[in-house]
C-alpha cells in the first residue's frame, strides 16, 4: 500500500511530466495500432486481387513487372505478345474464352 501512495504522490508532484508520459504512451500505442490495421488491410487487398488468377502470360521481360502491371495495375506493362501465341496457348490449355485485356 505504501508503494501505491508513493507513486500517486510522485505523479501529483510532477503533473507535466506525467501528462507528457501519458501522451507519448498513447501516441505510441495509436501508431502501432494504425500500422497493424494498415498491414491487415493491405494483406486483404492483395489476397482479393490475386483470387482467381491461375496463370499470367506476357511478353519477355521481368516477371515482377508482368505481375505488378497485369495483376495489381501498379507498373508499366512490359509489352504485347502476338495473337497467334495466345491462340496457341488457348489450344494447349483448352480454354475457349479470350483473355481479358488490361488497359493501363
PDB file of N, CA and C in Angstrom:
ATOM      1  N   UNK A   1       0.835  -1.197   0.000  1.00  0.00           N
ATOM      2  CA  UNK A   1       0.000   0.000   0.000  1.00  0.00           C
ATOM      3  C   UNK A   1       0.874   1.252   0.000  1.00  0.00           C
ATOM      4  N   UNK A   2       2.010   1.173   0.707  1.00  0.00           N
ATOM      5  CA  UNK A   2       2.918   2.317   0.786  1.00  0.00           C
ATOM      6  C   UNK A   2       3.454   2.669  -0.602  1.00  0.00           C
ATOM      7  N   UNK A   3       3.718   1.637  -1.440  1.00  0.00           N
ATOM      8  CA  UNK A   3       4.254   1.874  -2.781  1.00  0.00           C
ATOM      9  C   UNK A   3       3.244   2.616  -3.651  1.00  0.00           C
ATOM     10  N   UNK A   4       1.969   2.221  -3.563  1.00  0.00           N
ATOM     11  CA  UNK A   4       0.935   2.894  -4.354  1.00  0.00           C
ATOM     12  C   UNK A   4       0.769   4.352  -3.939  1.00  0.00           C
ATOM     13  N   UNK A   5       0.815   4.612  -2.662  1.00  0.00           N
ATOM     14  CA  UNK A   5       0.664   6.004  -2.219  1.00  0.00           C
ATOM     15  C   UNK A   5       1.885   6.826  -2.615  1.00  0.00           C
ATOM     16  N   UNK A   6       3.068   6.222  -2.576  1.00  0.00           N
ATOM     17  CA  UNK A   6       4.279   6.912  -3.030  1.00  0.00           C
ATOM     18  C   UNK A   6       4.192   7.246  -4.522  1.00  0.00           C
ATOM     19  N   UNK A   7       3.731   6.275  -5.344  1.00  0.00           N
ATOM     20  CA  UNK A   7       3.602   6.509  -6.785  1.00  0.00           C
ATOM     21  C   UNK A   7       2.567   7.601  -7.063  1.00  0.00           C
ATOM     22  N   UNK A   8       1.459   7.561  -6.353  1.00  0.00           N
ATOM     23  CA  UNK A   8       0.410   8.562  -6.539  1.00  0.00           C
ATOM     24  C   UNK A   8       0.915   9.959  -6.167  1.00  0.00           C
ATOM     25  N   UNK A   9       1.649  10.063  -5.096  1.00  0.00           N
ATOM     26  CA  UNK A   9       2.213  11.343  -4.667  1.00  0.00           C
ATOM     27  C   UNK A   9       3.212  11.861  -5.681  1.00  0.00           C
ATOM     28  N   UNK A  10       4.028  10.963  -6.223  1.00  0.00           N
ATOM     29  CA  UNK A  10       5.015  11.370  -7.230  1.00  0.00           C
ATOM     30  C   UNK A  10       4.313  11.895  -8.485  1.00  0.00           C
ATOM     31  N   UNK A  11       3.259  11.207  -8.924  1.00  0.00           N
ATOM     32  CA  UNK A  11       2.540  11.662 -10.109  1.00  0.00           C
ATOM     33  C   UNK A  11       1.926  13.047  -9.898  1.00  0.00           C
ATOM     34  N   UNK A  12       1.377  13.281  -8.738  1.00  0.00           N
ATOM     35  CA  UNK A  12       0.753  14.578  -8.489  1.00  0.00           C
ATOM     36  C   UNK A  12       1.783  15.678  -8.230  1.00  0.00           C
ATOM     37  N   UNK A  13       2.987  15.304  -7.859  1.00  0.00           N
ATOM     38  CA  UNK A  13       4.001  16.338  -7.646  1.00  0.00           C
ATOM     39  C   UNK A  13       4.612  16.801  -8.970  1.00  0.00           C
ATOM     40  N   UNK A  14       4.536  15.971 -10.015  1.00  0.00           N
ATOM     41  CA  UNK A  14       5.049  16.323 -11.336  1.00  0.00           C
ATOM     42  C   UNK A  14       3.951  16.102 -12.376  1.00  0.00           C
ATOM     43  N   UNK A  15       2.955  16.982 -12.443  1.00  0.00           N
ATOM     44  CA  UNK A  15       1.824  16.763 -13.358  1.00  0.00           C
ATOM     45  C   UNK A  15       2.215  16.888 -14.835  1.00  0.00           C
ATOM     46  N   UNK A  16       3.128  17.806 -15.165  1.00  0.00           N
ATOM     47  CA  UNK A  16       3.521  17.973 -16.567  1.00  0.00           C
ATOM     48  C   UNK A  16       4.258  16.734 -17.079  1.00  0.00           C
ATOM     49  N   UNK A  17       5.183  16.216 -16.316  1.00  0.00           N
ATOM     50  CA  UNK A  17       5.909  15.004 -16.707  1.00  0.00           C
ATOM     51  C   UNK A  17       4.990  13.809 -16.859  1.00  0.00           C
ATOM     52  N   UNK A  18       4.046  13.663 -15.940  1.00  0.00           N
ATOM     53  CA  UNK A  18       3.103  12.546 -16.003  1.00  0.00           C
ATOM     54  C   UNK A  18       2.204  12.674 -17.230  1.00  0.00           C
ATOM     55  N   UNK A  19       1.750  13.904 -17.513  1.00  0.00           N
ATOM     56  CA  UNK A  19       0.875  14.118 -18.677  1.00  0.00           C
ATOM     57  C   UNK A  19       1.638  13.846 -19.977  1.00  0.00           C
ATOM     58  N   UNK A  20       2.897  14.286 -20.057  1.00  0.00           N
ATOM     59  CA  UNK A  20       3.688  14.036 -21.261  1.00  0.00           C
ATOM     60  C   UNK A  20       3.968  12.547 -21.447  1.00  0.00           C
ATOM     61  N   UNK A  21       4.264  11.850 -20.359  1.00  0.00           N
ATOM     62  CA  UNK A  21       4.462  10.403 -20.454  1.00  0.00           C
ATOM     63  C   UNK A  21       3.207   9.698 -20.935  1.00  0.00           C
ATOM     64  N   UNK A  22       2.074  10.110 -20.409  1.00  0.00           N
ATOM     65  CA  UNK A  22       0.808   9.525 -20.828  1.00  0.00           C
ATOM     66  C   UNK A  22       0.521   9.829 -22.295  1.00  0.00           C
ATOM     67  N   UNK A  23       0.805  11.059 -22.727  1.00  0.00           N
ATOM     68  CA  UNK A  23       0.598  11.441 -24.120  1.00  0.00           C
ATOM     69  C   UNK A  23       1.487  10.622 -25.058  1.00  0.00           C
ATOM     70  N   UNK A  24       2.762  10.485 -24.700  1.00  0.00           N
ATOM     71  CA  UNK A  24       3.680   9.712 -25.535  1.00  0.00           C
ATOM     72  C   UNK A  24       3.303   8.239 -25.580  1.00  0.00           C
ATOM     73  N   UNK A  25       2.858   7.706 -24.475  1.00  0.00           N
ATOM     74  CA  UNK A  25       2.420   6.317 -24.448  1.00  0.00           C
ATOM     75  C   UNK A  25       1.218   6.110 -25.352  1.00  0.00           C
ATOM     76  N   UNK A  26       0.250   7.027 -25.294  1.00  0.00           N
ATOM     77  CA  UNK A  26      -0.934   6.872 -26.146  1.00  0.00           C
ATOM     78  C   UNK A  26      -0.606   7.077 -27.619  1.00  0.00           C
ATOM     79  N   UNK A  27       0.323   8.007 -27.937  1.00  0.00           N
ATOM     80  CA  UNK A  27       0.726   8.179 -29.338  1.00  0.00           C
ATOM     81  C   UNK A  27       1.440   6.930 -29.863  1.00  0.00           C
ATOM     82  N   UNK A  28       2.272   6.315 -29.064  1.00  0.00           N
ATOM     83  CA  UNK A  28       2.953   5.088 -29.469  1.00  0.00           C
ATOM     84  C   UNK A  28       1.981   3.952 -29.711  1.00  0.00           C
ATOM     85  N   UNK A  29       1.038   3.794 -28.801  1.00  0.00           N
ATOM     86  CA  UNK A  29       0.034   2.743 -28.976  1.00  0.00           C
ATOM     87  C   UNK A  29      -0.845   3.006 -30.197  1.00  0.00           C
ATOM     88  N   UNK A  30      -1.199   4.260 -30.423  1.00  0.00           N
ATOM     89  CA  UNK A  30      -2.021   4.590 -31.588  1.00  0.00           C
ATOM     90  C   UNK A  30      -1.271   4.323 -32.883  1.00  0.00           C
ATOM     91  N   UNK A  31       0.007   4.656 -32.938  1.00  0.00           N
ATOM     92  CA  UNK A  31       0.758   4.419 -34.176  1.00  0.00           C
ATOM     93  C   UNK A  31       0.944   2.929 -34.441  1.00  0.00           C
ATOM     94  N   UNK A  32       1.187   2.137 -33.410  1.00  0.00           N
ATOM     95  CA  UNK A  32       1.311   0.691 -33.591  1.00  0.00           C
ATOM     96  C   UNK A  32      -0.017   0.098 -34.048  1.00  0.00           C
ATOM     97  N   UNK A  33      -1.119   0.541 -33.462  1.00  0.00           N
ATOM     98  CA  UNK A  33      -2.433   0.062 -33.869  1.00  0.00           C
ATOM     99  C   UNK A  33      -2.719   0.441 -35.316  1.00  0.00           C
ATOM    100  N   UNK A  34      -2.379   1.655 -35.700  1.00  0.00           N
ATOM    101  CA  UNK A  34      -2.582   2.103 -37.076  1.00  0.00           C
ATOM    102  C   UNK A  34      -1.782   1.242 -38.050  1.00  0.00           C
ATOM    103  N   UNK A  35      -0.527   0.957 -37.738  1.00  0.00           N
ATOM    104  CA  UNK A  35       0.302   0.138 -38.623  1.00  0.00           C
ATOM    105  C   UNK A  35      -0.235  -1.282 -38.739  1.00  0.00           C
ATOM    106  N   UNK A  36      -0.722  -1.841 -37.653  1.00  0.00           N
ATOM    107  CA  UNK A  36      -1.298  -3.180 -37.716  1.00  0.00           C
ATOM    108  C   UNK A  36      -2.562  -3.206 -38.568  1.00  0.00           C
ATOM    109  N   UNK A  37      -3.400  -2.177 -38.440  1.00  0.00           N
ATOM    110  CA  UNK A  37      -4.620  -2.109 -39.250  1.00  0.00           C
ATOM    111  C   UNK A  37      -4.302  -1.943 -40.726  1.00  0.00           C
ATOM    112  N   UNK A  38      -3.346  -1.084 -41.062  1.00  0.00           N
ATOM    113  CA  UNK A  38      -2.963  -0.878 -42.460  1.00  0.00           C
ATOM    114  C   UNK A  38      -2.382  -2.163 -43.040  1.00  0.00           C
ATOM    115  N   UNK A  39      -1.556  -2.845 -42.279  1.00  0.00           N
ATOM    116  CA  UNK A  39      -0.963  -4.102 -42.738  1.00  0.00           C
ATOM    117  C   UNK A  39      -2.051  -5.138 -43.018  1.00  0.00           C
ATOM    118  N   UNK A  40      -3.024  -5.233 -42.141  1.00  0.00           N
ATOM    119  CA  UNK A  40      -4.124  -6.188 -42.330  1.00  0.00           C
ATOM    120  C   UNK A  40      -4.937  -5.847 -43.578  1.00  0.00           C
ATOM    121  N   UNK A  41      -5.226  -4.570 -43.781  1.00  0.00           N
ATOM    122  CA  UNK A  41      -5.996  -4.159 -44.951  1.00  0.00           C
ATOM    123  C   UNK A  41      -5.233  -4.412 -46.248  1.00  0.00           C
ATOM    124  N   UNK A  42      -3.923  -4.179 -46.243  1.00  0.00           N
ATOM    125  CA  UNK A  42      -3.119  -4.445 -47.441  1.00  0.00           C
ATOM    126  C   UNK A  42      -3.081  -5.935 -47.757  1.00  0.00           C
ATOM    127  N   UNK A  43      -2.942  -6.759 -46.746  1.00  0.00           N
ATOM    128  CA  UNK A  43      -2.953  -8.204 -46.976  1.00  0.00           C
ATOM    129  C   UNK A  43      -4.283  -8.659 -47.549  1.00  0.00           C
ATOM    130  N   UNK A  44      -5.385  -8.134 -47.028  1.00  0.00           N
ATOM    131  CA  UNK A  44      -6.700  -8.497 -47.558  1.00  0.00           C
ATOM    132  C   UNK A  44      -6.861  -8.037 -49.003  1.00  0.00           C
ATOM    133  N   UNK A  45      -6.356  -6.839 -49.336  1.00  0.00           N
ATOM    134  CA  UNK A  45      -6.464  -6.333 -50.706  1.00  0.00           C
ATOM    135  C   UNK A  45      -5.639  -7.182 -51.666  1.00  0.00           C
ATOM    136  N   UNK A  46      -4.428  -7.574 -51.259  1.00  0.00           N
ATOM    137  CA  UNK A  46      -3.601  -8.419 -52.125  1.00  0.00           C
ATOM    138  C   UNK A  46      -4.247  -9.779 -52.340  1.00  0.00           C
ATOM    139  N   UNK A  47      -4.791 -10.365 -51.296  1.00  0.00           N
ATOM    140  CA  UNK A  47      -5.462 -11.662 -51.442  1.00  0.00           C
ATOM    141  C   UNK A  47      -6.684 -11.536 -52.351  1.00  0.00           C
ATOM    142  N   UNK A  48      -7.435 -10.459 -52.224  1.00  0.00           N
ATOM    143  CA  UNK A  48      -8.606 -10.250 -53.067  1.00  0.00           C
ATOM    144  C   UNK A  48      -8.200 -10.078 -54.528  1.00  0.00           C
ATOM    145  N   UNK A  49      -7.117  -9.327 -54.775  1.00  0.00           N
ATOM    146  CA  UNK A  49      -6.677  -9.103 -56.145  1.00  0.00           C
ATOM    147  C   UNK A  49      -6.128 -10.370 -56.786  1.00  0.00           C
ATOM    148  N   UNK A  50      -5.515 -11.242 -56.008  1.00  0.00           N
ATOM    149  CA  UNK A  50      -4.929 -12.466 -56.546  1.00  0.00           C
ATOM    150  C   UNK A  50      -5.923 -13.609 -56.671  1.00  0.00           C
ATOM    151  N   UNK A  51      -7.109 -13.445 -56.137  1.00  0.00           N
ATOM    152  CA  UNK A  51      -8.095 -14.507 -56.143  1.00  0.00           C
ATOM    153  C   UNK A  51      -8.546 -14.797 -57.576  1.00  0.00           C
ATOM    154  N   UNK A  52      -8.513 -16.050 -57.969  1.00  0.00           N
ATOM    155  CA  UNK A  52      -8.995 -16.456 -59.286  1.00  0.00           C
ATOM    156  C   UNK A  52      -7.959 -16.358 -60.391  1.00  0.00           C
ATOM    157  N   UNK A  53      -6.735 -15.995 -60.093  1.00  0.00           N
ATOM    158  CA  UNK A  53      -5.693 -15.895 -61.113  1.00  0.00           C
ATOM    159  C   UNK A  53      -4.809 -17.132 -61.004  1.00  0.00           C
ATOM    160  N   UNK A  54      -4.832 -17.942 -62.064  1.00  0.00           N
ATOM    161  CA  UNK A  54      -4.031 -19.157 -62.072  1.00  0.00           C
ATOM    162  C   UNK A  54      -2.778 -19.017 -62.927  1.00  0.00           C
ATOM    163  N   UNK A  55      -2.848 -18.161 -63.956  1.00  0.00           N
ATOM    164  CA  UNK A  55      -1.751 -18.064 -64.898  1.00  0.00           C
ATOM    165  C   UNK A  55      -1.678 -16.643 -65.425  1.00  0.00           C
ATOM    166  N   UNK A  56      -0.474 -16.115 -65.529  1.00  0.00           N
ATOM    167  CA  UNK A  56      -0.252 -14.791 -66.106  1.00  0.00           C
ATOM    168  C   UNK A  56       0.698 -14.969 -67.281  1.00  0.00           C
ATOM    169  N   UNK A  57       0.252 -14.544 -68.454  1.00  0.00           N
ATOM    170  CA  UNK A  57       1.053 -14.680 -69.669  1.00  0.00           C
ATOM    171  C   UNK A  57       1.372 -13.289 -70.164  1.00  0.00           C
ATOM    172  N   UNK A  58       2.637 -13.092 -70.543  1.00  0.00           N
ATOM    173  CA  UNK A  58       3.021 -11.776 -71.029  1.00  0.00           C
ATOM    174  C   UNK A  58       4.278 -11.837 -71.862  1.00  0.00           C
ATOM    175  N   UNK A  59       4.699 -10.671 -72.323  1.00  0.00           N
ATOM    176  CA  UNK A  59       5.884 -10.556 -73.161  1.00  0.00           C
ATOM    177  C   UNK A  59       7.139 -10.832 -72.351  1.00  0.00           C
ATOM    178  N   UNK A  60       8.244 -11.029 -73.079  1.00  0.00           N
ATOM    179  CA  UNK A  60       9.528 -11.239 -72.420  1.00  0.00           C
ATOM    180  C   UNK A  60       9.877 -10.024 -71.584  1.00  0.00           C
ATOM    181  N   UNK A  61      10.506 -10.274 -70.487  1.00  0.00           N
ATOM    182  CA  UNK A  61      10.906  -9.188 -69.600  1.00  0.00           C
ATOM    183  C   UNK A  61      10.901  -9.669 -68.168  1.00  0.00           C
ATOM    184  N   UNK A  62      10.760  -8.735 -67.299  1.00  0.00           N
ATOM    185  CA  UNK A  62      10.798  -9.037 -65.878  1.00  0.00           C
ATOM    186  C   UNK A  62       9.480  -9.679 -65.427  1.00  0.00           C
ATOM    187  N   UNK A  63       9.541 -10.841 -64.784  1.00  0.00           N
ATOM    188  CA  UNK A  63       8.317 -11.450 -64.257  1.00  0.00           C
ATOM    189  C   UNK A  63       7.638 -10.572 -63.197  1.00  0.00           C
ATOM    190  N   UNK A  64       8.458  -9.874 -62.408  1.00  0.00           N
ATOM    191  CA  UNK A  64       7.898  -8.984 -61.384  1.00  0.00           C
ATOM    192  C   UNK A  64       7.097  -7.861 -62.034  1.00  0.00           C
ATOM    193  N   UNK A  65       7.628  -7.297 -63.099  1.00  0.00           N
ATOM    194  CA  UNK A  65       6.931  -6.216 -63.802  1.00  0.00           C
ATOM    195  C   UNK A  65       5.636  -6.734 -64.420  1.00  0.00           C
ATOM    196  N   UNK A  66       5.654  -7.954 -64.927  1.00  0.00           N
ATOM    197  CA  UNK A  66       4.459  -8.548 -65.518  1.00  0.00           C
ATOM    198  C   UNK A  66       3.364  -8.726 -64.470  1.00  0.00           C
ATOM    199  N   UNK A  67       3.731  -9.222 -63.292  1.00  0.00           N
ATOM    200  CA  UNK A  67       2.744  -9.414 -62.220  1.00  0.00           C
ATOM    201  C   UNK A  67       2.237  -8.064 -61.723  1.00  0.00           C
ATOM    202  N   UNK A  68       3.150  -7.114 -61.507  1.00  0.00           N
ATOM    203  CA  UNK A  68       2.734  -5.802 -60.995  1.00  0.00           C
ATOM    204  C   UNK A  68       1.807  -5.084 -61.971  1.00  0.00           C
ATOM    205  N   UNK A  69       2.082  -5.201 -63.258  1.00  0.00           N
ATOM    206  CA  UNK A  69       1.249  -4.494 -64.230  1.00  0.00           C
ATOM    207  C   UNK A  69      -0.030  -5.252 -64.542  1.00  0.00           C
ATOM    208  N   UNK A  70       0.065  -6.577 -64.689  1.00  0.00           N
ATOM    209  CA  UNK A  70      -1.101  -7.343 -65.102  1.00  0.00           C
ATOM    210  C   UNK A  70      -2.090  -7.634 -64.004  1.00  0.00           C
ATOM    211  N   UNK A  71      -1.603  -7.799 -62.795  1.00  0.00           N
ATOM    212  CA  UNK A  71      -2.485  -8.193 -61.695  1.00  0.00           C
ATOM    213  C   UNK A  71      -2.837  -7.008 -60.804  1.00  0.00           C
ATOM    214  N   UNK A  72      -1.812  -6.261 -60.390  1.00  0.00           N
ATOM    215  CA  UNK A  72      -2.046  -5.181 -59.441  1.00  0.00           C
ATOM    216  C   UNK A  72      -2.191  -3.807 -60.089  1.00  0.00           C
ATOM    217  N   UNK A  73      -1.919  -3.693 -61.391  1.00  0.00           N
ATOM    218  CA  UNK A  73      -2.036  -2.424 -62.135  1.00  0.00           C
ATOM    219  C   UNK A  73      -1.169  -1.332 -61.513  1.00  0.00           C
ATOM    220  N   UNK A  74       0.049  -1.707 -61.136  1.00  0.00           N
ATOM    221  CA  UNK A  74       0.950  -0.753 -60.488  1.00  0.00           C
ATOM    222  C   UNK A  74       2.031  -0.271 -61.440  1.00  0.00           C
ATOM    223  N   UNK A  75       2.584  -1.168 -62.245  1.00  0.00           N
ATOM    224  CA  UNK A  75       3.732  -0.855 -63.090  1.00  0.00           C
ATOM    225  C   UNK A  75       3.304  -0.713 -64.545  1.00  0.00           C
ATOM    226  N   UNK A  76       4.232  -0.304 -65.380  1.00  0.00           N
ATOM    227  CA  UNK A  76       4.002  -0.183 -66.817  1.00  0.00           C
ATOM    228  C   UNK A  76       4.040  -1.590 -67.430  1.00  0.00           C
ATOM    229  N   UNK A  77       3.086  -1.930 -68.316  1.00  0.00           N
ATOM    230  CA  UNK A  77       3.109  -3.260 -68.936  1.00  0.00           C
ATOM    231  C   UNK A  77       4.386  -3.478 -69.750  1.00  0.00           C
ATOM    232  N   UNK A  78       4.942  -4.712 -69.703  1.00  0.00           N
ATOM    233  CA  UNK A  78       6.201  -4.962 -70.410  1.00  0.00           C
ATOM    234  C   UNK A  78       6.064  -5.009 -71.923  1.00  0.00           C
ATOM    235  N   UNK A  79       4.886  -5.166 -72.457  1.00  0.00           N
ATOM    236  CA  UNK A  79       4.702  -5.212 -73.904  1.00  0.00           C
ATOM    237  C   UNK A  79       3.596  -6.186 -74.277  1.00  0.00           C
ATOM    238  N   UNK A  80       3.418  -6.371 -75.571  1.00  0.00           N
ATOM    239  CA  UNK A  80       2.365  -7.248 -76.076  1.00  0.00           C
ATOM    240  C   UNK A  80       2.964  -8.548 -76.582  1.00  0.00           C
ATOM    241  N   UNK A  81       2.124  -9.574 -76.629  1.00  0.00           N
ATOM    242  CA  UNK A  81       2.530 -10.829 -77.239  1.00  0.00           C
ATOM    243  C   UNK A  81       1.669 -11.020 -78.480  1.00  0.00           C
ATOM    244  N   UNK A  82       2.173 -11.741 -79.473  1.00  0.00           N
ATOM    245  CA  UNK A  82       1.395 -11.941 -80.702  1.00  0.00           C
ATOM    246  C   UNK A  82       0.097 -12.710 -80.431  1.00  0.00           C
ATOM    247  N   UNK A  83      -0.941 -12.393 -81.186  1.00  0.00           N
ATOM    248  CA  UNK A  83      -2.233 -13.050 -81.038  1.00  0.00           C
ATOM    249  C   UNK A  83      -2.112 -14.542 -81.332  1.00  0.00           C
ATOM    250  N   UNK A  84      -1.241 -14.890 -82.260  1.00  0.00           N
ATOM    251  CA  UNK A  84      -1.047 -16.294 -82.614  1.00  0.00           C
ATOM    252  C   UNK A  84      -0.536 -17.079 -81.395  1.00  0.00           C
ATOM    253  N   UNK A  85       0.345 -16.481 -80.627  1.00  0.00           N
ATOM    254  CA  UNK A  85       0.861 -17.149 -79.427  1.00  0.00           C
ATOM    255  C   UNK A  85      -0.240 -17.351 -78.390  1.00  0.00           C
ATOM    256  N   UNK A  86      -1.138 -16.386 -78.280  1.00  0.00           N
ATOM    257  CA  UNK A  86      -2.258 -16.515 -77.329  1.00  0.00           C
ATOM    258  C   UNK A  86      -3.192 -17.624 -77.775  1.00  0.00           C
ATOM    259  N   UNK A  87      -3.491 -17.674 -79.073  1.00  0.00           N
ATOM    260  CA  UNK A  87      -4.383 -18.723 -79.586  1.00  0.00           C
ATOM    261  C   UNK A  87      -3.759 -20.101 -79.424  1.00  0.00           C
ATOM    262  N   UNK A  88      -2.447 -20.199 -79.619  1.00  0.00           N
ATOM    263  CA  UNK A  88      -1.751 -21.466 -79.426  1.00  0.00           C
ATOM    264  C   UNK A  88      -1.821 -21.902 -77.968  1.00  0.00           C
ATOM    265  N   UNK A  89      -1.654 -20.971 -77.068  1.00  0.00           N
ATOM    266  CA  UNK A  89      -1.732 -21.271 -75.647  1.00  0.00           C
ATOM    267  C   UNK A  89      -3.139 -21.703 -75.255  1.00  0.00           C
ATOM    268  N   UNK A  90      -4.154 -21.078 -75.847  1.00  0.00           N
ATOM    269  CA  UNK A  90      -5.533 -21.462 -75.557  1.00  0.00           C
ATOM    270  C   UNK A  90      -5.814 -22.882 -76.019  1.00  0.00           C
ATOM    271  N   UNK A  91      -5.242 -23.261 -77.142  1.00  0.00           N
ATOM    272  CA  UNK A  91      -5.441 -24.627 -77.637  1.00  0.00           C
ATOM    273  C   UNK A  91      -4.804 -25.636 -76.677  1.00  0.00           C
ATOM    274  N   UNK A  92      -3.623 -25.310 -76.174  1.00  0.00           N
ATOM    275  CA  UNK A  92      -2.935 -26.219 -75.252  1.00  0.00           C
ATOM    276  C   UNK A  92      -3.695 -26.359 -73.942  1.00  0.00           C
ATOM    277  N   UNK A  93      -4.191 -25.246 -73.434  1.00  0.00           N
ATOM    278  CA  UNK A  93      -4.880 -25.261 -72.143  1.00  0.00           C
ATOM    279  C   UNK A  93      -6.306 -25.773 -72.293  1.00  0.00           C
ATOM    280  N   UNK A  94      -6.928 -25.496 -73.427  1.00  0.00           N
ATOM    281  CA  UNK A  94      -8.301 -25.923 -73.639  1.00  0.00           C
ATOM    282  C   UNK A  94      -9.310 -24.882 -73.188  1.00  0.00           C
ATOM    283  N   UNK A  95      -8.896 -23.643 -73.111  1.00  0.00           N
ATOM    284  CA  UNK A  95      -9.777 -22.567 -72.679  1.00  0.00           C
ATOM    285  C   UNK A  95     -10.395 -21.910 -73.908  1.00  0.00           C
ATOM    286  N   UNK A  96     -11.697 -21.810 -73.933  1.00  0.00           N
ATOM    287  CA  UNK A  96     -12.354 -21.222 -75.100  1.00  0.00           C
ATOM    288  C   UNK A  96     -12.643 -19.738 -74.927  1.00  0.00           C
ATOM    289  N   UNK A  97     -12.394 -19.183 -73.744  1.00  0.00           N
ATOM    290  CA  UNK A  97     -12.664 -17.763 -73.538  1.00  0.00           C
ATOM    291  C   UNK A  97     -11.406 -16.955 -73.845  1.00  0.00           C
ATOM    292  N   UNK A  98     -11.570 -15.823 -74.537  1.00  0.00           N
ATOM    293  CA  UNK A  98     -10.404 -14.997 -74.842  1.00  0.00           C
ATOM    294  C   UNK A  98      -9.861 -14.332 -73.577  1.00  0.00           C
ATOM    295  N   UNK A  99      -8.586 -13.996 -73.566  1.00  0.00           N
ATOM    296  CA  UNK A  99      -8.032 -13.351 -72.369  1.00  0.00           C
ATOM    297  C   UNK A  99      -8.584 -11.944 -72.207  1.00  0.00           C
ATOM    298  N   UNK A 100      -8.643 -11.511 -70.973  1.00  0.00           N
ATOM    299  CA  UNK A 100      -9.111 -10.159 -70.687  1.00  0.00           C
ATOM    300  C   UNK A 100      -8.014  -9.167 -71.051  1.00  0.00           C
ATOM    301  N   UNK A 101      -8.403  -8.075 -71.680  1.00  0.00           N
ATOM    302  CA  UNK A 101      -7.399  -7.059 -71.998  1.00  0.00           C
ATOM    303  C   UNK A 101      -7.239  -6.150 -70.797  1.00  0.00           C
ATOM    304  N   UNK A 102      -6.021  -5.791 -70.539  1.00  0.00           N
ATOM    305  CA  UNK A 102      -5.703  -4.929 -69.405  1.00  0.00           C
ATOM    306  C   UNK A 102      -5.226  -3.590 -69.947  1.00  0.00           C
ATOM    307  N   UNK A 103      -5.938  -2.532 -69.595  1.00  0.00           N
ATOM    308  CA  UNK A 103      -5.519  -1.215 -70.042  1.00  0.00           C
ATOM    309  C   UNK A 103      -4.858  -0.485 -68.871  1.00  0.00           C
ATOM    310  N   UNK A 104      -3.751   0.218 -69.146  1.00  0.00           N
ATOM    311  CA  UNK A 104      -3.045   0.893 -68.048  1.00  0.00           C
ATOM    312  C   UNK A 104      -3.800   2.059 -67.484  1.00  0.00           C
TER     313      UNK A 104
END
